[in-house]
Amino acid sequence: MEIQKLHKIITECLNYEQQARRTLYDYIAPIMFGVSHRYARSIVDADDIFQESIIRFFHHLHQLKDIDRMEGWAKRIVVNEAIRFYRKNRNLTLTEDLEITNQLLACNESVTGQLEIEQLLKLISELPYKMRMVINLFAIEGYKHEEIAEMLGISVGTSKSNLFDARKQIKKRIENEMKNIG
């Protein structure tokens, strides 16, 4: 959507014009739902995270300072909501293994280079929830382990360990798929 049109729609949204709110929702919802799905354990959790994120998006729309960055701002809202959701439903515990942390390795790029981004996102979505949270925050959102640890209330070692385990599982699944193809 072009910036001038988006600016007009946001102005109308701030004036509580329902058609503009619907137009903006139709534009931003697929983006926000995609992010919520990456962080959720199930479609039900993704719906919960998405719904709360949409409410926050419209409630805080007046705080958006740069329309050019609206998509990033919306994604950040979803990430924050996913973290709130995680903390509220902390019946999951992230594993900590400091020995593995010291062996943290990058995923084999020659294997992952053969995958399309959608295939990689599908593999990430199939990871256990604890690993998915960390790999999304680190590899997709670009957070450092110190930031992830603070956001999730875990140690830096736990964050690194979960990233290592996630990469290891993805690499193993990719290698298995490559064997089945070849």
N, C-alpha and C. Protein backbone atom coordinates (compact mmCIF):
# COMPACT_ATOMS: atom_id res chain seq x y z
N MET A 1 0.85 -1.17 0.00
CA MET A 1 0.00 0.00 0.00
C MET A 1 0.90 1.24 0.00
N GLU A 2 0.58 2.22 -0.79
CA GLU A 2 1.42 3.42 -0.86
C GLU A 2 1.28 4.25 0.41
N ILE A 3 2.34 4.96 0.73
CA ILE A 3 2.44 5.70 1.99
C ILE A 3 1.35 6.75 2.14
N GLN A 4 1.05 7.48 1.09
CA GLN A 4 0.03 8.54 1.19
C GLN A 4 -1.33 7.95 1.53
N LYS A 5 -1.67 6.84 0.88
CA LYS A 5 -2.95 6.19 1.16
C LYS A 5 -2.96 5.64 2.58
N LEU A 6 -1.85 5.05 2.99
CA LEU A 6 -1.73 4.51 4.34
C LEU A 6 -1.86 5.62 5.37
N HIS A 7 -1.23 6.75 5.12
CA HIS A 7 -1.33 7.89 6.03
C HIS A 7 -2.78 8.35 6.18
N LYS A 8 -3.49 8.40 5.07
CA LYS A 8 -4.91 8.80 5.09
C LYS A 8 -5.74 7.80 5.90
N ILE A 9 -5.49 6.52 5.66
CA ILE A 9 -6.23 5.47 6.36
C ILE A 9 -5.97 5.53 7.87
N ILE A 10 -4.71 5.74 8.24
CA ILE A 10 -4.38 5.81 9.67
C ILE A 10 -5.05 7.03 10.31
N THR A 11 -5.03 8.15 9.61
CA THR A 11 -5.71 9.35 10.12
C THR A 11 -7.19 9.07 10.33
N GLU A 12 -7.81 8.40 9.38
CA GLU A 12 -9.23 8.06 9.51
C GLU A 12 -9.45 7.06 10.66
N CYS A 13 -8.52 6.13 10.83
CA CYS A 13 -8.62 5.17 11.94
C CYS A 13 -8.59 5.91 13.29
N LEU A 14 -7.71 6.89 13.38
CA LEU A 14 -7.60 7.66 14.61
C LEU A 14 -8.86 8.47 14.89
N ASN A 15 -9.65 8.70 13.85
CA ASN A 15 -10.94 9.37 13.99
C ASN A 15 -12.07 8.34 14.11
N TYR A 16 -11.72 7.11 14.35
CA TYR A 16 -12.65 5.99 14.59
C TYR A 16 -13.60 5.73 13.41
N GLU A 17 -13.10 5.90 12.20
CA GLU A 17 -13.90 5.57 11.03
C GLU A 17 -13.77 4.07 10.77
N GLN A 18 -14.89 3.38 10.85
CA GLN A 18 -14.89 1.91 10.80
C GLN A 18 -14.37 1.35 9.49
N GLN A 19 -14.71 1.97 8.38
CA GLN A 19 -14.23 1.44 7.09
C GLN A 19 -12.71 1.52 7.00
N ALA A 20 -12.14 2.58 7.51
CA ALA A 20 -10.68 2.73 7.50
C ALA A 20 -10.04 1.68 8.42
N ARG A 21 -10.66 1.45 9.56
CA ARG A 21 -10.14 0.43 10.48
C ARG A 21 -10.17 -0.95 9.82
N ARG A 22 -11.22 -1.21 9.09
CA ARG A 22 -11.34 -2.50 8.39
C ARG A 22 -10.27 -2.63 7.30
N THR A 23 -10.06 -1.54 6.57
CA THR A 23 -9.05 -1.54 5.51
C THR A 23 -7.65 -1.78 6.09
N LEU A 24 -7.36 -1.08 7.19
CA LEU A 24 -6.05 -1.25 7.82
C LEU A 24 -5.92 -2.66 8.40
N TYR A 25 -6.98 -3.17 8.99
CA TYR A 25 -6.98 -4.54 9.52
C TYR A 25 -6.68 -5.53 8.39
N ASP A 26 -7.37 -5.39 7.27
CA ASP A 26 -7.16 -6.31 6.14
C ASP A 26 -5.72 -6.27 5.64
N TYR A 27 -5.09 -5.12 5.75
CA TYR A 27 -3.71 -4.97 5.30
C TYR A 27 -2.72 -5.58 6.30
N ILE A 28 -2.90 -5.29 7.58
CA ILE A 28 -1.89 -5.66 8.58
C ILE A 28 -2.11 -7.04 9.20
N ALA A 29 -3.34 -7.53 9.19
CA ALA A 29 -3.65 -8.80 9.86
C ALA A 29 -2.82 -9.98 9.34
N PRO A 30 -2.68 -10.17 8.03
CA PRO A 30 -1.88 -11.33 7.58
C PRO A 30 -0.43 -11.27 8.06
N ILE A 31 0.12 -10.09 8.12
CA ILE A 31 1.50 -9.92 8.59
C ILE A 31 1.59 -10.30 10.06
N MET A 32 0.66 -9.76 10.85
CA MET A 32 0.68 -10.01 12.29
C MET A 32 0.36 -11.46 12.62
N PHE A 33 -0.56 -12.05 11.88
CA PHE A 33 -0.90 -13.44 12.14
C PHE A 33 0.27 -14.35 11.81
N GLY A 34 0.99 -14.04 10.74
CA GLY A 34 2.16 -14.84 10.39
C GLY A 34 3.20 -14.85 11.50
N VAL A 35 3.41 -13.70 12.11
CA VAL A 35 4.37 -13.62 13.22
C VAL A 35 3.84 -14.38 14.43
N SER A 36 2.56 -14.20 14.74
CA SER A 36 2.00 -14.90 15.91
C SER A 36 2.07 -16.41 15.72
N HIS A 37 1.89 -16.86 14.50
CA HIS A 37 1.95 -18.31 14.22
C HIS A 37 3.35 -18.86 14.46
N ARG A 38 4.37 -18.06 14.16
CA ARG A 38 5.75 -18.51 14.38
C ARG A 38 6.05 -18.75 15.85
N TYR A 39 5.39 -18.01 16.72
CA TYR A 39 5.69 -18.11 18.14
C TYR A 39 4.76 -19.05 18.90
N ALA A 40 3.66 -19.42 18.32
CA ALA A 40 2.65 -20.19 19.05
C ALA A 40 2.88 -21.69 18.97
N ARG A 41 2.39 -22.37 19.99
CA ARG A 41 2.48 -23.83 20.02
C ARG A 41 1.37 -24.47 19.21
N SER A 42 0.27 -23.74 19.06
CA SER A 42 -0.88 -24.29 18.35
C SER A 42 -1.62 -23.16 17.65
N ILE A 43 -2.54 -23.51 16.81
CA ILE A 43 -3.33 -22.51 16.10
C ILE A 43 -4.19 -21.72 17.09
N VAL A 44 -4.62 -22.37 18.15
CA VAL A 44 -5.42 -21.69 19.18
C VAL A 44 -4.56 -20.63 19.88
N ASP A 45 -3.33 -20.99 20.23
CA ASP A 45 -2.43 -20.01 20.85
C ASP A 45 -2.10 -18.88 19.88
N ALA A 46 -1.89 -19.23 18.61
CA ALA A 46 -1.62 -18.20 17.59
C ALA A 46 -2.79 -17.23 17.50
N ASP A 47 -4.00 -17.76 17.54
CA ASP A 47 -5.19 -16.90 17.51
C ASP A 47 -5.23 -15.97 18.72
N ASP A 48 -4.92 -16.51 19.90
CA ASP A 48 -4.92 -15.70 21.12
C ASP A 48 -3.88 -14.58 21.04
N ILE A 49 -2.67 -14.94 20.62
CA ILE A 49 -1.61 -13.94 20.49
C ILE A 49 -1.99 -12.90 19.45
N PHE A 50 -2.52 -13.35 18.33
CA PHE A 50 -2.92 -12.45 17.26
C PHE A 50 -4.01 -11.49 17.73
N GLN A 51 -5.03 -12.02 18.37
CA GLN A 51 -6.15 -11.17 18.82
C GLN A 51 -5.68 -10.08 19.77
N GLU A 52 -4.89 -10.47 20.75
CA GLU A 52 -4.37 -9.47 21.69
C GLU A 52 -3.48 -8.46 20.99
N SER A 53 -2.71 -8.92 20.02
CA SER A 53 -1.82 -8.03 19.27
C SER A 53 -2.61 -7.01 18.45
N ILE A 54 -3.67 -7.46 17.82
CA ILE A 54 -4.51 -6.55 17.03
C ILE A 54 -5.14 -5.49 17.93
N ILE A 55 -5.60 -5.91 19.09
CA ILE A 55 -6.19 -4.95 20.04
C ILE A 55 -5.14 -3.91 20.43
N ARG A 56 -3.94 -4.36 20.75
CA ARG A 56 -2.86 -3.44 21.12
C ARG A 56 -2.48 -2.54 19.94
N PHE A 57 -2.45 -3.10 18.75
CA PHE A 57 -2.10 -2.33 17.56
C PHE A 57 -3.04 -1.14 17.41
N PHE A 58 -4.33 -1.39 17.44
CA PHE A 58 -5.28 -0.30 17.25
C PHE A 58 -5.34 0.63 18.47
N HIS A 59 -5.17 0.07 19.64
CA HIS A 59 -5.21 0.89 20.85
C HIS A 59 -4.04 1.88 20.89
N HIS A 60 -2.88 1.46 20.38
CA HIS A 60 -1.67 2.29 20.43
C HIS A 60 -1.33 2.91 19.08
N LEU A 61 -2.22 2.85 18.13
CA LEU A 61 -1.95 3.38 16.79
C LEU A 61 -1.55 4.85 16.83
N HIS A 62 -2.08 5.59 17.77
CA HIS A 62 -1.73 7.01 17.89
C HIS A 62 -0.25 7.22 18.24
N GLN A 63 0.43 6.18 18.71
CA GLN A 63 1.84 6.27 19.07
C GLN A 63 2.77 6.00 17.89
N LEU A 64 2.23 5.55 16.78
CA LEU A 64 3.04 5.26 15.60
C LEU A 64 3.60 6.58 15.06
N LYS A 65 4.93 6.68 15.05
CA LYS A 65 5.58 7.92 14.65
C LYS A 65 5.99 7.93 13.18
N ASP A 66 6.31 6.77 12.64
CA ASP A 66 6.81 6.69 11.26
C ASP A 66 6.01 5.64 10.50
N ILE A 67 5.16 6.08 9.63
CA ILE A 67 4.29 5.17 8.88
C ILE A 67 5.10 4.20 8.02
N ASP A 68 6.28 4.63 7.57
CA ASP A 68 7.14 3.74 6.78
C ASP A 68 7.54 2.50 7.57
N ARG A 69 7.50 2.59 8.88
CA ARG A 69 7.93 1.48 9.73
C ARG A 69 6.76 0.78 10.41
N MET A 70 5.55 0.99 9.90
CA MET A 70 4.37 0.43 10.54
C MET A 70 4.42 -1.10 10.61
N GLU A 71 4.87 -1.76 9.55
CA GLU A 71 4.91 -3.22 9.57
C GLU A 71 5.86 -3.73 10.65
N GLY A 72 7.03 -3.13 10.76
CA GLY A 72 7.97 -3.51 11.81
C GLY A 72 7.42 -3.25 13.20
N TRP A 73 6.72 -2.11 13.34
CA TRP A 73 6.08 -1.76 14.60
C TRP A 73 5.03 -2.79 14.96
N ALA A 74 4.23 -3.20 13.98
CA ALA A 74 3.19 -4.21 14.21
C ALA A 74 3.81 -5.55 14.58
N LYS A 75 4.88 -5.93 13.91
CA LYS A 75 5.55 -7.18 14.23
C LYS A 75 6.10 -7.16 15.65
N ARG A 76 6.63 -6.02 16.06
CA ARG A 76 7.17 -5.88 17.42
C ARG A 76 6.05 -6.05 18.46
N ILE A 77 4.87 -5.53 18.15
CA ILE A 77 3.72 -5.71 19.04
C ILE A 77 3.42 -7.20 19.21
N VAL A 78 3.45 -7.93 18.10
CA VAL A 78 3.16 -9.37 18.16
C VAL A 78 4.24 -10.11 18.96
N VAL A 79 5.49 -9.78 18.73
CA VAL A 79 6.57 -10.43 19.47
C VAL A 79 6.40 -10.17 20.97
N ASN A 80 6.12 -8.92 21.32
CA ASN A 80 5.92 -8.59 22.74
C ASN A 80 4.72 -9.35 23.32
N GLU A 81 3.67 -9.46 22.55
CA GLU A 81 2.49 -10.18 23.01
C GLU A 81 2.79 -11.67 23.16
N ALA A 82 3.58 -12.22 22.24
CA ALA A 82 3.96 -13.64 22.34
C ALA A 82 4.78 -13.88 23.60
N ILE A 83 5.65 -12.93 23.92
CA ILE A 83 6.45 -13.06 25.14
C ILE A 83 5.54 -12.97 26.37
N ARG A 84 4.59 -12.03 26.36
CA ARG A 84 3.62 -11.94 27.47
C ARG A 84 2.84 -13.25 27.60
N PHE A 85 2.43 -13.79 26.47
CA PHE A 85 1.69 -15.05 26.45
C PHE A 85 2.55 -16.18 27.03
N TYR A 86 3.79 -16.22 26.61
CA TYR A 86 4.72 -17.23 27.10
C TYR A 86 4.86 -17.13 28.62
N ARG A 87 5.08 -15.91 29.10
CA ARG A 87 5.26 -15.73 30.55
C ARG A 87 4.02 -16.11 31.32
N LYS A 88 2.85 -15.78 30.78
CA LYS A 88 1.59 -16.09 31.45
C LYS A 88 1.35 -17.60 31.49
N ASN A 89 1.81 -18.28 30.48
CA ASN A 89 1.61 -19.73 30.37
C ASN A 89 2.92 -20.47 30.56
N ARG A 90 3.63 -20.12 31.59
CA ARG A 90 4.98 -20.62 31.81
C ARG A 90 5.03 -22.07 32.29
N ASN A 91 4.03 -22.84 31.97
CA ASN A 91 4.08 -24.25 32.35
C ASN A 91 5.11 -25.00 31.53
N LEU A 92 5.65 -24.34 30.52
CA LEU A 92 6.75 -24.91 29.74
C LEU A 92 8.05 -24.43 30.34
N THR A 93 9.03 -25.28 30.42
CA THR A 93 10.34 -24.86 30.91
C THR A 93 11.35 -25.03 29.80
N LEU A 94 12.21 -24.05 29.67
CA LEU A 94 13.27 -24.13 28.67
C LEU A 94 14.44 -24.91 29.26
N THR A 95 15.03 -25.74 28.46
CA THR A 95 16.13 -26.58 28.97
C THR A 95 17.42 -25.77 29.04
N GLU A 96 18.23 -26.12 29.98
CA GLU A 96 19.53 -25.47 30.12
C GLU A 96 20.60 -26.54 30.14
N ASP A 97 21.56 -26.41 29.26
CA ASP A 97 22.66 -27.36 29.20
C ASP A 97 23.90 -26.57 28.83
N LEU A 98 24.69 -26.22 29.80
CA LEU A 98 25.84 -25.35 29.57
C LEU A 98 26.92 -26.03 28.73
N GLU A 99 27.01 -27.36 28.78
CA GLU A 99 27.99 -28.04 27.94
C GLU A 99 27.66 -27.83 26.46
N ILE A 100 26.38 -27.94 26.13
CA ILE A 100 25.95 -27.72 24.74
C ILE A 100 26.16 -26.27 24.35
N THR A 101 25.94 -25.36 25.27
CA THR A 101 26.12 -23.93 25.00
C THR A 101 27.52 -23.65 24.49
N ASN A 102 28.50 -24.29 25.09
CA ASN A 102 29.89 -24.08 24.68
C ASN A 102 30.18 -24.64 23.29
N GLN A 103 29.31 -25.51 22.80
CA GLN A 103 29.50 -26.12 21.49
C GLN A 103 28.58 -25.52 20.42
N LEU A 104 28.02 -24.34 20.72
CA LEU A 104 27.07 -23.71 19.81
C LEU A 104 27.69 -23.56 18.42
N LEU A 105 27.00 -24.12 17.42
CA LEU A 105 27.48 -24.07 16.05
C LEU A 105 26.39 -23.53 15.15
N ALA A 106 26.80 -22.94 14.05
CA ALA A 106 25.83 -22.48 13.06
C ALA A 106 25.33 -23.67 12.26
N CYS A 107 24.12 -23.57 11.78
CA CYS A 107 23.53 -24.63 10.95
C CYS A 107 24.33 -24.74 9.66
N ASN A 108 24.46 -25.92 9.11
CA ASN A 108 25.23 -26.16 7.91
C ASN A 108 24.59 -25.39 6.73
N GLU A 109 25.27 -24.32 6.29
CA GLU A 109 24.70 -23.45 5.27
C GLU A 109 24.56 -24.12 3.92
N SER A 110 25.41 -25.09 3.62
CA SER A 110 25.29 -25.75 2.33
C SER A 110 23.99 -26.52 2.22
N VAL A 111 23.50 -27.01 3.34
CA VAL A 111 22.23 -27.75 3.34
C VAL A 111 21.07 -26.77 3.32
N THR A 112 21.12 -25.76 4.19
CA THR A 112 20.00 -24.82 4.26
C THR A 112 19.91 -23.94 3.04
N GLY A 113 21.01 -23.75 2.34
CA GLY A 113 20.97 -22.95 1.13
C GLY A 113 20.10 -23.55 0.05
N GLN A 114 19.82 -24.84 0.15
CA GLN A 114 19.01 -25.52 -0.84
C GLN A 114 17.52 -25.43 -0.53
N LEU A 115 17.20 -24.88 0.61
CA LEU A 115 15.80 -24.78 1.01
C LEU A 115 15.23 -23.42 0.68
N GLU A 116 13.97 -23.38 0.44
CA GLU A 116 13.29 -22.11 0.30
C GLU A 116 12.89 -21.64 1.68
N ILE A 117 12.69 -20.34 1.82
CA ILE A 117 12.37 -19.76 3.12
C ILE A 117 11.11 -20.37 3.71
N GLU A 118 10.11 -20.67 2.88
CA GLU A 118 8.88 -21.26 3.40
C GLU A 118 9.12 -22.63 4.00
N GLN A 119 10.00 -23.40 3.37
CA GLN A 119 10.33 -24.72 3.90
C GLN A 119 11.03 -24.60 5.25
N LEU A 120 11.93 -23.63 5.34
CA LEU A 120 12.65 -23.41 6.59
C LEU A 120 11.69 -22.96 7.68
N LEU A 121 10.77 -22.04 7.38
CA LEU A 121 9.79 -21.59 8.36
C LEU A 121 8.89 -22.75 8.80
N LYS A 122 8.59 -23.65 7.88
CA LYS A 122 7.78 -24.83 8.24
C LYS A 122 8.55 -25.72 9.22
N LEU A 123 9.84 -25.92 8.95
CA LEU A 123 10.65 -26.71 9.86
C LEU A 123 10.73 -26.06 11.24
N ILE A 124 10.87 -24.75 11.27
CA ILE A 124 10.91 -24.03 12.55
C ILE A 124 9.59 -24.20 13.29
N SER A 125 8.48 -24.11 12.54
CA SER A 125 7.16 -24.23 13.19
C SER A 125 6.93 -25.62 13.79
N GLU A 126 7.67 -26.61 13.33
CA GLU A 126 7.52 -27.97 13.83
C GLU A 126 8.40 -28.26 15.05
N LEU A 127 9.25 -27.30 15.41
CA LEU A 127 10.12 -27.48 16.58
C LEU A 127 9.29 -27.43 17.86
N PRO A 128 9.81 -28.04 18.92
CA PRO A 128 9.16 -27.87 20.22
C PRO A 128 9.10 -26.37 20.56
N TYR A 129 8.07 -26.01 21.27
CA TYR A 129 7.79 -24.61 21.55
C TYR A 129 8.97 -23.85 22.15
N LYS A 130 9.66 -24.46 23.10
CA LYS A 130 10.76 -23.78 23.78
C LYS A 130 11.88 -23.41 22.80
N MET A 131 12.16 -24.28 21.85
CA MET A 131 13.19 -24.00 20.86
C MET A 131 12.72 -22.97 19.83
N ARG A 132 11.45 -23.08 19.47
CA ARG A 132 10.88 -22.18 18.47
C ARG A 132 10.94 -20.73 18.94
N MET A 133 10.64 -20.50 20.22
CA MET A 133 10.68 -19.14 20.77
C MET A 133 12.07 -18.54 20.59
N VAL A 134 13.08 -19.29 20.99
CA VAL A 134 14.44 -18.77 20.95
C VAL A 134 14.93 -18.58 19.52
N ILE A 135 14.69 -19.56 18.65
CA ILE A 135 15.19 -19.42 17.28
C ILE A 135 14.47 -18.28 16.54
N ASN A 136 13.20 -18.09 16.81
CA ASN A 136 12.48 -16.96 16.21
C ASN A 136 13.06 -15.63 16.68
N LEU A 137 13.25 -15.51 17.98
CA LEU A 137 13.78 -14.25 18.52
C LEU A 137 15.20 -13.98 18.04
N PHE A 138 16.02 -15.03 17.98
CA PHE A 138 17.42 -14.86 17.60
C PHE A 138 17.59 -14.74 16.08
N ALA A 139 17.16 -15.75 15.36
CA ALA A 139 17.46 -15.81 13.93
C ALA A 139 16.54 -14.96 13.07
N ILE A 140 15.28 -14.82 13.46
CA ILE A 140 14.34 -14.10 12.61
C ILE A 140 14.19 -12.65 13.06
N GLU A 141 14.04 -12.43 14.37
CA GLU A 141 13.84 -11.07 14.88
C GLU A 141 15.16 -10.34 15.13
N GLY A 142 16.25 -11.09 15.27
CA GLY A 142 17.57 -10.46 15.40
C GLY A 142 17.98 -10.05 16.81
N TYR A 143 17.36 -10.62 17.83
CA TYR A 143 17.73 -10.29 19.20
C TYR A 143 19.00 -11.03 19.59
N LYS A 144 19.74 -10.46 20.53
CA LYS A 144 20.93 -11.10 21.09
C LYS A 144 20.48 -12.00 22.24
N HIS A 145 21.34 -12.95 22.59
CA HIS A 145 20.99 -13.89 23.65
C HIS A 145 20.70 -13.18 24.98
N GLU A 146 21.43 -12.12 25.25
CA GLU A 146 21.19 -11.37 26.49
C GLU A 146 19.77 -10.80 26.50
N GLU A 147 19.32 -10.28 25.36
CA GLU A 147 17.98 -9.72 25.25
C GLU A 147 16.92 -10.82 25.37
N ILE A 148 17.17 -11.93 24.71
CA ILE A 148 16.23 -13.06 24.76
C ILE A 148 16.10 -13.56 26.20
N ALA A 149 17.24 -13.69 26.86
CA ALA A 149 17.23 -14.17 28.24
C ALA A 149 16.40 -13.24 29.12
N GLU A 150 16.57 -11.95 28.94
CA GLU A 150 15.81 -10.99 29.74
C GLU A 150 14.32 -11.05 29.41
N MET A 151 13.98 -11.13 28.12
CA MET A 151 12.58 -11.16 27.71
C MET A 151 11.86 -12.40 28.23
N LEU A 152 12.54 -13.54 28.17
CA LEU A 152 11.90 -14.80 28.54
C LEU A 152 12.14 -15.20 30.00
N GLY A 153 12.96 -14.43 30.70
CA GLY A 153 13.24 -14.76 32.10
C GLY A 153 14.06 -16.02 32.25
N ILE A 154 15.03 -16.20 31.35
CA ILE A 154 15.90 -17.38 31.38
C ILE A 154 17.35 -16.90 31.39
N SER A 155 18.27 -17.82 31.54
CA SER A 155 19.68 -17.44 31.50
C SER A 155 20.15 -17.35 30.04
N VAL A 156 21.27 -16.68 29.86
CA VAL A 156 21.86 -16.58 28.52
C VAL A 156 22.24 -17.97 28.04
N GLY A 157 22.75 -18.80 28.94
CA GLY A 157 23.12 -20.18 28.59
C GLY A 157 21.93 -20.98 28.10
N THR A 158 20.78 -20.78 28.73
CA THR A 158 19.57 -21.48 28.31
C THR A 158 19.17 -21.05 26.90
N SER A 159 19.27 -19.75 26.65
CA SER A 159 18.94 -19.24 25.32
C SER A 159 19.86 -19.87 24.27
N LYS A 160 21.15 -19.87 24.55
CA LYS A 160 22.11 -20.45 23.60
C LYS A 160 21.88 -21.94 23.42
N SER A 161 21.60 -22.63 24.51
CA SER A 161 21.36 -24.07 24.45
C SER A 161 20.15 -24.40 23.59
N ASN A 162 19.07 -23.63 23.79
CA ASN A 162 17.87 -23.87 23.00
C ASN A 162 18.08 -23.55 21.53
N LEU A 163 18.86 -22.52 21.23
CA LEU A 163 19.18 -22.21 19.84
C LEU A 163 20.00 -23.34 19.22
N PHE A 164 20.98 -23.82 19.95
CA PHE A 164 21.80 -24.92 19.47
C PHE A 164 20.94 -26.15 19.17
N ASP A 165 20.09 -26.50 20.13
CA ASP A 165 19.23 -27.67 19.95
C ASP A 165 18.28 -27.49 18.76
N ALA A 166 17.76 -26.29 18.60
CA ALA A 166 16.85 -26.02 17.47
C ALA A 166 17.58 -26.18 16.15
N ARG A 167 18.76 -25.59 16.06
CA ARG A 167 19.55 -25.71 14.82
C ARG A 167 19.90 -27.16 14.54
N LYS A 168 20.24 -27.90 15.58
CA LYS A 168 20.60 -29.31 15.43
C LYS A 168 19.41 -30.11 14.88
N GLN A 169 18.22 -29.86 15.44
CA GLN A 169 17.03 -30.57 14.96
C GLN A 169 16.69 -30.19 13.52
N ILE A 170 16.81 -28.90 13.20
CA ILE A 170 16.53 -28.47 11.82
C ILE A 170 17.51 -29.10 10.86
N LYS A 171 18.78 -29.08 11.22
CA LYS A 171 19.81 -29.68 10.35
C LYS A 171 19.53 -31.16 10.13
N LYS A 172 19.16 -31.87 11.19
CA LYS A 172 18.87 -33.30 11.08
C LYS A 172 17.67 -33.54 10.15
N ARG A 173 16.63 -32.74 10.30
CA ARG A 173 15.44 -32.89 9.44
C ARG A 173 15.76 -32.57 7.99
N ILE A 174 16.58 -31.56 7.77
CA ILE A 174 16.97 -31.20 6.40
C ILE A 174 17.77 -32.34 5.77
N GLU A 175 18.73 -32.87 6.53
CA GLU A 175 19.55 -33.96 6.02
C GLU A 175 18.68 -35.18 5.70
N ASN A 176 17.69 -35.48 6.55
CA ASN A 176 16.79 -36.60 6.29
C ASN A 176 15.97 -36.37 5.03
N GLU A 177 15.49 -35.15 4.87
CA GLU A 177 14.72 -34.84 3.65
C GLU A 177 15.57 -34.94 2.41
N MET A 178 16.83 -34.49 2.50
CA MET A 178 17.74 -34.55 1.36
C MET A 178 18.04 -36.02 0.98
N LYS A 179 18.18 -36.87 2.00
CA LYS A 179 18.40 -38.30 1.73
C LYS A 179 17.19 -38.92 1.03
N ASN A 180 16.00 -38.53 1.47
CA ASN A 180 14.78 -39.06 0.86
C ASN A 180 14.59 -38.58 -0.57
N ILE A 181 15.06 -37.38 -0.86
CA ILE A 181 14.94 -36.84 -2.22
C ILE A 181 15.94 -37.52 -3.14
N GLY A 182 17.19 -37.65 -2.64
CA GLY A 182 18.28 -38.18 -3.46
C GLY A 182 18.32 -39.63 -3.40
